[in-house]
Amino acid sequence: MLTLKVAGVYNLLWGAWVILFPGSLFAMLGMEQPLYPGIWQCVGMIVGVYGVGYWIAASNPARHWPIVLVGFLGKLFGPIGLIYAVAVGELPLKFGIVNIPNDLIWWFPFVAILWYAFRENSASVDSGRGPAEPLTFEQAIDTFQDQHGKSLRELSNEKPVLLTFLRHSGCTFCREALDDLAKFEQENAAVTSQPVIVHMSDDKKMPSLLKTYGLEGVSQISDPNRVLYRAFELERGGWPQLFGRSVWWRGFSAAILHRHGLGPLDGDGFQMPGVFLLKDGEVMKSFRHATAADRVDYANFSEVCPVENEEAPAPVTTGESR
């Protein structure tokens, strides 16, 4: 997309200018030279790195929308930071001229790109993922097999299945769920249910991530076309479900405070997760996440209901439990 390429070139040029001539902007504005020009040069380096990101995102904005989103947030908070600095007397108002070419003129184009990415990723079927014919629930549990060649029906006939549908593998909530599952496995070795993980990555990429959490021996099912997701009525999230205020805070907590981190987008970034308990080919319990940040208490959820219509235990955070 031309807009992102122009933004990339602009950022690279502006960053190079600040790195090579750190005092020139201050001289043009009639301001005192910075006491520590190296800090200002670091700002130029960061802006230049954003330029590289924009150029990469231009190749496929719908896939690389997180880069555009991060850039837009920077352009949104930049003017806010300037207003604060002017209000407390740390910067003169004339320094705000920097925000016009760096931030303000990009607001509308970046919002338009993000809206385009949202609409592209909200299509009912991913065109780049190949055929994805819908299956009924009964067809799906007979068709999909784990890495050992056993279908979901066969697995649930042997032992109750704790079926966990993940977000895309780069999502911090996907990694948090894997960590929770690993702890559940370690602390509940005698539990009668067996975990089965459903993901959107291919069979070559996911094993390494599962090994990181000690789950390499767990049954897994690859579903890049999201056929199994849809058979279990797991929908694609909207803006509040994926980017709401509570999601941002939980994401920060999971990614930074609990060190689950982030990874590249691998799968449908809008697909919502869910957890189900299967027994003899039937769903005993279900939990469909209300937001991407919802979290399930696997130990309680994995208990097979002694009464047919018993409600599922409450999850750690809100969601739809049946």
Protein backbone atom coordinates (compact mmCIF):
# COMPACT_ATOMS: atom_id res chain seq x y z
CA MET A 1 0.00 0.00 0.00
CA LEU A 2 1.44 3.34 -1.13
CA THR A 3 0.54 5.21 2.07
CA LEU A 4 2.63 2.89 4.23
CA LYS A 5 5.56 3.06 1.82
CA VAL A 6 5.46 6.86 1.92
CA ALA A 7 5.26 6.73 5.72
CA GLY A 8 8.21 4.34 5.78
CA VAL A 9 10.38 6.56 3.59
CA TYR A 10 9.43 9.66 5.59
CA ASN A 11 10.32 8.00 8.89
CA LEU A 12 13.65 6.77 7.56
CA LEU A 13 14.57 10.22 6.25
CA TRP A 14 13.42 12.03 9.40
CA GLY A 15 15.22 9.53 11.61
CA ALA A 16 18.44 9.85 9.61
CA TRP A 17 18.22 13.66 9.81
CA VAL A 18 17.88 13.61 13.60
CA ILE A 19 20.69 11.08 14.02
CA LEU A 20 23.12 12.90 11.73
CA PHE A 21 22.17 16.46 12.70
CA PRO A 22 20.67 16.32 16.21
CA GLY A 23 20.84 20.05 16.79
CA SER A 24 19.41 21.33 13.52
CA LEU A 25 15.72 21.18 14.50
CA PHE A 26 16.35 23.12 17.70
CA ALA A 27 18.33 25.72 15.77
CA MET A 28 15.50 26.12 13.24
CA LEU A 29 13.01 26.70 16.07
CA GLY A 30 15.30 29.09 17.94
CA MET A 31 15.53 26.78 20.94
CA GLU A 32 18.47 25.92 23.13
CA GLN A 33 20.46 22.88 22.07
CA PRO A 34 19.65 19.72 24.08
CA LEU A 35 22.03 18.93 26.93
CA TYR A 36 22.14 15.27 25.91
CA PRO A 37 21.89 15.08 22.11
CA GLY A 38 22.37 11.32 22.25
CA ILE A 39 18.88 10.94 23.73
CA TRP A 40 17.40 12.94 20.84
CA GLN A 41 19.37 10.79 18.40
CA CYS A 42 17.79 7.70 20.01
CA VAL A 43 14.39 9.21 19.18
CA GLY A 44 15.54 9.47 15.58
CA MET A 45 16.63 5.84 15.63
CA ILE A 46 13.23 4.72 16.95
CA VAL A 47 11.41 6.74 14.29
CA GLY A 48 13.64 5.19 11.62
CA VAL A 49 12.90 1.68 12.89
CA TYR A 50 9.19 2.44 12.60
CA GLY A 51 9.89 3.33 8.98
CA VAL A 52 11.25 -0.16 8.35
CA GLY A 53 8.11 -1.59 9.96
CA TYR A 54 5.80 0.51 7.78
CA TRP A 55 7.63 -0.60 4.63
CA ILE A 56 7.21 -4.25 5.63
CA ALA A 57 3.55 -3.71 6.51
CA ALA A 58 2.93 -2.17 3.08
CA SER A 59 3.37 -5.61 1.49
CA ASN A 60 0.22 -6.89 3.24
CA PRO A 61 -1.53 -4.40 5.57
CA ALA A 62 -4.30 -6.86 6.40
CA ARG A 63 -1.78 -9.35 7.78
CA HIS A 64 0.65 -6.86 9.35
CA TRP A 65 -2.00 -4.64 10.96
CA PRO A 66 -0.36 -4.84 14.43
CA ILE A 67 2.57 -2.80 13.07
CA VAL A 68 0.16 -0.16 11.79
CA LEU A 69 -1.73 -0.17 15.10
CA VAL A 70 1.43 0.39 17.13
CA GLY A 71 2.44 3.20 14.78
CA PHE A 72 -0.98 4.80 15.06
CA LEU A 73 -0.84 4.68 18.86
CA GLY A 74 2.51 6.46 18.75
CA LYS A 75 1.04 9.14 16.50
CA LEU A 76 -1.93 9.46 18.83
CA PHE A 77 0.02 9.74 22.08
CA GLY A 78 2.73 12.00 20.62
CA PRO A 79 0.50 15.11 20.50
CA ILE A 80 -0.95 14.23 23.91
CA GLY A 81 2.56 14.17 25.33
CA LEU A 82 3.29 17.53 23.73
CA ILE A 83 0.18 19.10 25.27
CA TYR A 84 1.29 17.90 28.69
CA ALA A 85 4.86 19.15 28.17
CA VAL A 86 3.58 22.57 27.11
CA ALA A 87 1.15 22.71 30.04
CA VAL A 88 3.90 22.10 32.62
CA GLY A 89 6.34 24.42 30.87
CA GLU A 90 8.83 21.81 29.70
CA LEU A 91 8.46 22.64 25.98
CA PRO A 92 7.39 25.75 24.06
CA LEU A 93 4.23 25.53 21.97
CA LYS A 94 6.22 26.08 18.77
CA PHE A 95 7.78 22.63 19.20
CA GLY A 96 4.36 21.28 18.27
CA ILE A 97 5.18 21.91 14.63
CA VAL A 98 7.01 18.58 14.79
CA ASN A 99 3.73 16.78 15.50
CA ILE A 100 2.08 17.98 12.31
CA PRO A 101 4.19 16.01 9.77
CA ASN A 102 5.13 13.26 12.23
CA ASP A 103 1.71 12.53 13.72
CA LEU A 104 -1.39 14.54 12.83
CA ILE A 105 -1.39 14.16 9.04
CA TRP A 106 -1.21 10.36 9.41
CA TRP A 107 -4.23 9.91 11.66
CA PHE A 108 -6.83 9.51 8.93
CA PRO A 109 -4.70 7.31 6.60
CA PHE A 110 -3.72 4.98 9.44
CA VAL A 111 -7.31 4.68 10.71
CA ALA A 112 -8.40 3.89 7.15
CA ILE A 113 -5.74 1.18 6.88
CA LEU A 114 -6.74 -0.35 10.22
CA TRP A 115 -10.38 -0.35 9.16
CA TYR A 116 -9.42 -2.04 5.89
CA ALA A 117 -7.45 -4.68 7.81
CA PHE A 118 -10.36 -5.23 10.18
CA ARG A 119 -12.79 -5.78 7.31
CA GLU A 120 -10.39 -8.06 5.46
CA ASN A 121 -9.76 -10.16 8.54
CA SER A 122 -13.45 -10.24 9.39
CA ALA A 123 -14.36 -12.18 6.26
CA SER A 124 -16.19 -15.41 6.99
CA VAL A 125 -13.44 -17.47 5.34
CA ASP A 126 -9.75 -16.70 4.94
CA SER A 127 -9.14 -16.76 1.19
CA GLY A 128 -5.45 -17.44 1.71
CA ARG A 129 -6.04 -20.55 3.82
CA GLY A 130 -7.43 -22.79 1.11
CA PRO A 131 -10.84 -24.53 1.07
CA ALA A 132 -12.73 -24.51 4.32
CA GLU A 133 -16.00 -26.35 3.82
CA PRO A 134 -18.15 -26.24 6.96
CA LEU A 135 -18.77 -29.45 8.88
CA THR A 136 -21.44 -30.35 11.38
CA PHE A 137 -20.37 -31.13 14.94
CA GLU A 138 -20.75 -34.87 14.36
CA GLN A 139 -18.75 -34.72 11.13
CA ALA A 140 -16.03 -32.61 12.74
CA ILE A 141 -15.33 -34.90 15.69
CA ASP A 142 -15.11 -37.85 13.29
CA THR A 143 -12.91 -36.02 10.76
CA PHE A 144 -10.32 -34.19 12.84
CA GLN A 145 -7.49 -36.28 14.24
CA ASP A 146 -4.59 -35.59 16.58
CA GLN A 147 -0.95 -36.18 15.67
CA HIS A 148 -1.35 -39.86 16.54
CA GLY A 149 -4.22 -40.41 14.10
CA LYS A 150 -7.03 -40.60 16.66
CA SER A 151 -10.25 -38.70 16.01
CA LEU A 152 -11.88 -36.51 18.64
CA ARG A 153 -14.69 -39.03 18.95
CA GLU A 154 -12.22 -41.86 19.58
CA LEU A 155 -10.34 -39.81 22.15
CA SER A 156 -13.54 -38.84 23.98
CA ASN A 157 -14.69 -42.47 24.02
CA GLU A 158 -11.46 -43.50 25.73
CA LYS A 159 -11.41 -40.70 28.29
CA PRO A 160 -13.12 -37.31 28.77
CA VAL A 161 -11.38 -34.70 26.63
CA LEU A 162 -10.50 -31.20 27.84
CA LEU A 163 -10.62 -29.58 24.40
CA THR A 164 -8.87 -26.19 24.32
CA PHE A 165 -9.17 -23.96 21.26
CA LEU A 166 -6.34 -21.41 21.24
CA ARG A 167 -5.94 -17.92 19.87
CA HIS A 168 -3.26 -17.52 17.19
CA SER A 169 0.14 -18.67 18.45
CA GLY A 170 1.61 -15.16 18.60
CA CYS A 171 -1.07 -13.92 20.99
CA THR A 172 0.05 -13.55 24.60
CA PHE A 173 -3.26 -15.07 25.75
CA CYS A 174 -2.51 -18.20 23.72
CA ARG A 175 0.78 -18.54 25.56
CA GLU A 176 -0.87 -17.83 28.89
CA ALA A 177 -3.40 -20.59 28.19
CA LEU A 178 -0.58 -23.02 27.38
CA ASP A 179 1.14 -22.10 30.64
CA ASP A 180 -2.12 -22.65 32.55
CA LEU A 181 -2.58 -26.02 30.84
CA ALA A 182 0.98 -27.04 31.70
CA LYS A 183 0.43 -26.18 35.37
CA PHE A 184 -2.87 -28.04 35.29
CA GLU A 185 -1.09 -31.12 33.92
CA GLN A 186 1.60 -30.97 36.60
CA GLU A 187 -0.74 -30.36 39.52
CA ASN A 188 -3.58 -32.67 38.45
CA ALA A 189 -1.90 -35.82 37.18
CA ALA A 190 -4.74 -37.95 38.55
CA VAL A 191 -7.53 -35.99 36.86
CA THR A 192 -9.66 -38.21 34.66
CA SER A 193 -9.76 -35.88 31.64
CA GLN A 194 -7.10 -35.59 28.93
CA PRO A 195 -6.18 -32.24 27.33
CA VAL A 196 -6.38 -31.84 23.56
CA ILE A 197 -5.16 -28.58 22.01
CA VAL A 198 -6.64 -27.11 18.82
CA HIS A 199 -4.60 -24.41 17.06
CA MET A 200 -4.39 -22.56 13.75
CA SER A 201 -0.68 -23.12 13.09
CA ASP A 202 0.67 -25.87 10.88
CA ASP A 203 2.02 -29.11 12.30
CA LYS A 204 5.63 -27.96 11.89
CA LYS A 205 5.45 -24.71 13.88
CA MET A 206 3.32 -25.57 16.89
CA PRO A 207 5.38 -28.42 18.42
CA SER A 208 8.25 -26.06 19.27
CA LEU A 209 5.90 -23.71 21.14
CA LEU A 210 4.26 -26.61 22.97
CA LYS A 211 7.70 -27.90 23.95
CA THR A 212 8.48 -24.53 25.51
CA TYR A 213 5.66 -25.16 27.98
CA GLY A 214 6.35 -28.87 28.43
CA LEU A 215 3.26 -29.88 26.45
CA GLU A 216 4.95 -31.73 23.59
CA GLY A 217 3.26 -34.98 24.63
CA VAL A 218 -0.26 -33.54 24.64
CA SER A 219 -2.62 -34.38 21.79
CA GLN A 220 -2.90 -31.51 19.32
CA ILE A 221 -5.01 -30.78 16.24
CA SER A 222 -4.07 -28.31 13.51
CA ASP A 223 -7.02 -26.35 12.10
CA PRO A 224 -5.66 -23.46 9.97
CA ASN A 225 -8.97 -23.08 8.13
CA ARG A 226 -10.90 -22.87 11.42
CA VAL A 227 -13.34 -25.58 10.36
CA LEU A 228 -13.30 -27.21 13.80
CA TYR A 229 -13.58 -23.80 15.46
CA ARG A 230 -16.77 -23.11 13.54
CA ALA A 231 -18.16 -26.59 14.18
CA PHE A 232 -17.94 -25.73 17.89
CA GLU A 233 -19.59 -22.35 17.21
CA LEU A 234 -16.53 -20.30 18.10
CA GLU A 235 -16.88 -16.95 16.40
CA ARG A 236 -14.47 -14.24 15.32
CA GLY A 237 -14.14 -11.34 17.72
CA GLY A 238 -15.12 -7.73 17.19
CA TRP A 239 -13.28 -4.62 18.30
CA PRO A 240 -14.40 -4.62 21.99
CA GLN A 241 -13.64 -8.33 22.37
CA LEU A 242 -10.11 -7.96 21.03
CA PHE A 243 -9.10 -4.38 21.85
CA GLY A 244 -11.28 -3.33 24.79
CA ARG A 245 -9.78 -1.58 27.81
CA SER A 246 -9.81 -4.72 29.96
CA VAL A 247 -8.10 -6.64 27.15
CA TRP A 248 -5.27 -4.11 26.97
CA TRP A 249 -4.61 -4.31 30.70
CA ARG A 250 -4.78 -8.10 30.79
CA GLY A 251 -2.55 -8.23 27.74
CA PHE A 252 0.06 -6.05 29.43
CA SER A 253 -0.12 -8.20 32.54
CA ALA A 254 0.24 -11.48 30.62
CA ALA A 255 2.88 -10.30 28.15
CA ILE A 256 5.06 -8.13 30.41
CA LEU A 257 4.38 -8.80 34.07
CA HIS A 258 4.04 -12.58 33.65
CA ARG A 259 6.58 -12.73 30.80
CA HIS A 260 4.53 -14.66 28.27
CA GLY A 261 5.55 -12.20 25.58
CA LEU A 262 4.26 -11.90 22.04
CA GLY A 263 5.02 -13.58 18.74
CA PRO A 264 4.29 -13.04 15.05
CA LEU A 265 0.72 -13.37 13.86
CA ASP A 266 0.19 -17.01 12.84
CA GLY A 267 -3.43 -17.72 12.07
CA ASP A 268 -6.57 -15.64 12.22
CA GLY A 269 -5.96 -12.75 14.61
CA PHE A 270 -9.70 -12.28 15.12
CA GLN A 271 -10.57 -15.88 16.00
CA MET A 272 -11.91 -16.26 19.53
CA PRO A 273 -10.86 -19.19 21.75
CA GLY A 274 -12.94 -21.59 23.81
CA VAL A 275 -12.79 -24.65 26.05
CA PHE A 276 -15.02 -27.74 25.95
CA LEU A 277 -15.29 -30.96 27.91
CA LEU A 278 -16.17 -33.91 25.67
CA LYS A 279 -17.26 -37.35 26.80
CA ASP A 280 -18.37 -40.16 24.47
CA GLY A 281 -18.71 -37.75 21.58
CA GLU A 282 -20.89 -35.27 23.47
CA VAL A 283 -20.19 -31.81 24.92
CA MET A 284 -20.53 -31.95 28.71
CA LYS A 285 -19.38 -28.38 29.35
CA SER A 286 -18.50 -25.39 27.21
CA PHE A 287 -16.86 -22.03 27.74
CA ARG A 288 -16.80 -19.51 24.90
CA HIS A 289 -14.66 -16.49 25.69
CA ALA A 290 -16.50 -13.16 25.85
CA THR A 291 -13.17 -11.37 25.28
CA ALA A 292 -9.74 -12.53 24.22
CA ALA A 293 -8.57 -11.85 27.78
CA ASP A 294 -10.90 -14.31 29.52
CA ARG A 295 -9.21 -17.07 31.48
CA VAL A 296 -10.46 -20.52 32.46
CA ASP A 297 -9.90 -22.46 35.67
CA TYR A 298 -8.94 -25.75 34.01
CA ALA A 299 -8.90 -27.76 37.23
CA ASN A 300 -12.55 -27.00 38.00
CA PHE A 301 -13.66 -27.08 34.39
CA SER A 302 -12.17 -30.53 33.75
CA GLU A 303 -14.34 -32.22 36.38
CA VAL A 304 -17.01 -34.33 34.70
CA CYS A 305 -20.48 -33.24 35.79
CA PRO A 306 -22.20 -35.94 37.87
CA VAL A 307 -25.58 -34.42 36.93
CA GLU A 308 -26.45 -33.98 33.26
CA ASN A 309 -27.54 -30.34 33.47
CA GLU A 310 -25.05 -29.15 36.08
CA GLU A 311 -23.59 -25.76 35.21
CA ALA A 312 -19.90 -25.39 34.55
CA PRO A 313 -17.77 -23.85 37.32
CA ALA A 314 -17.17 -20.14 37.01
CA PRO A 315 -14.01 -19.23 35.07
CA VAL A 316 -11.36 -16.92 36.45
CA THR A 317 -12.70 -14.06 34.32
CA THR A 318 -15.97 -13.46 32.55
CA GLY A 319 -17.15 -15.40 29.54
CA GLU A 320 -19.98 -17.55 28.26
CA SER A 321 -20.13 -20.86 30.10
CA ARG A 322 -22.69 -23.51 29.39
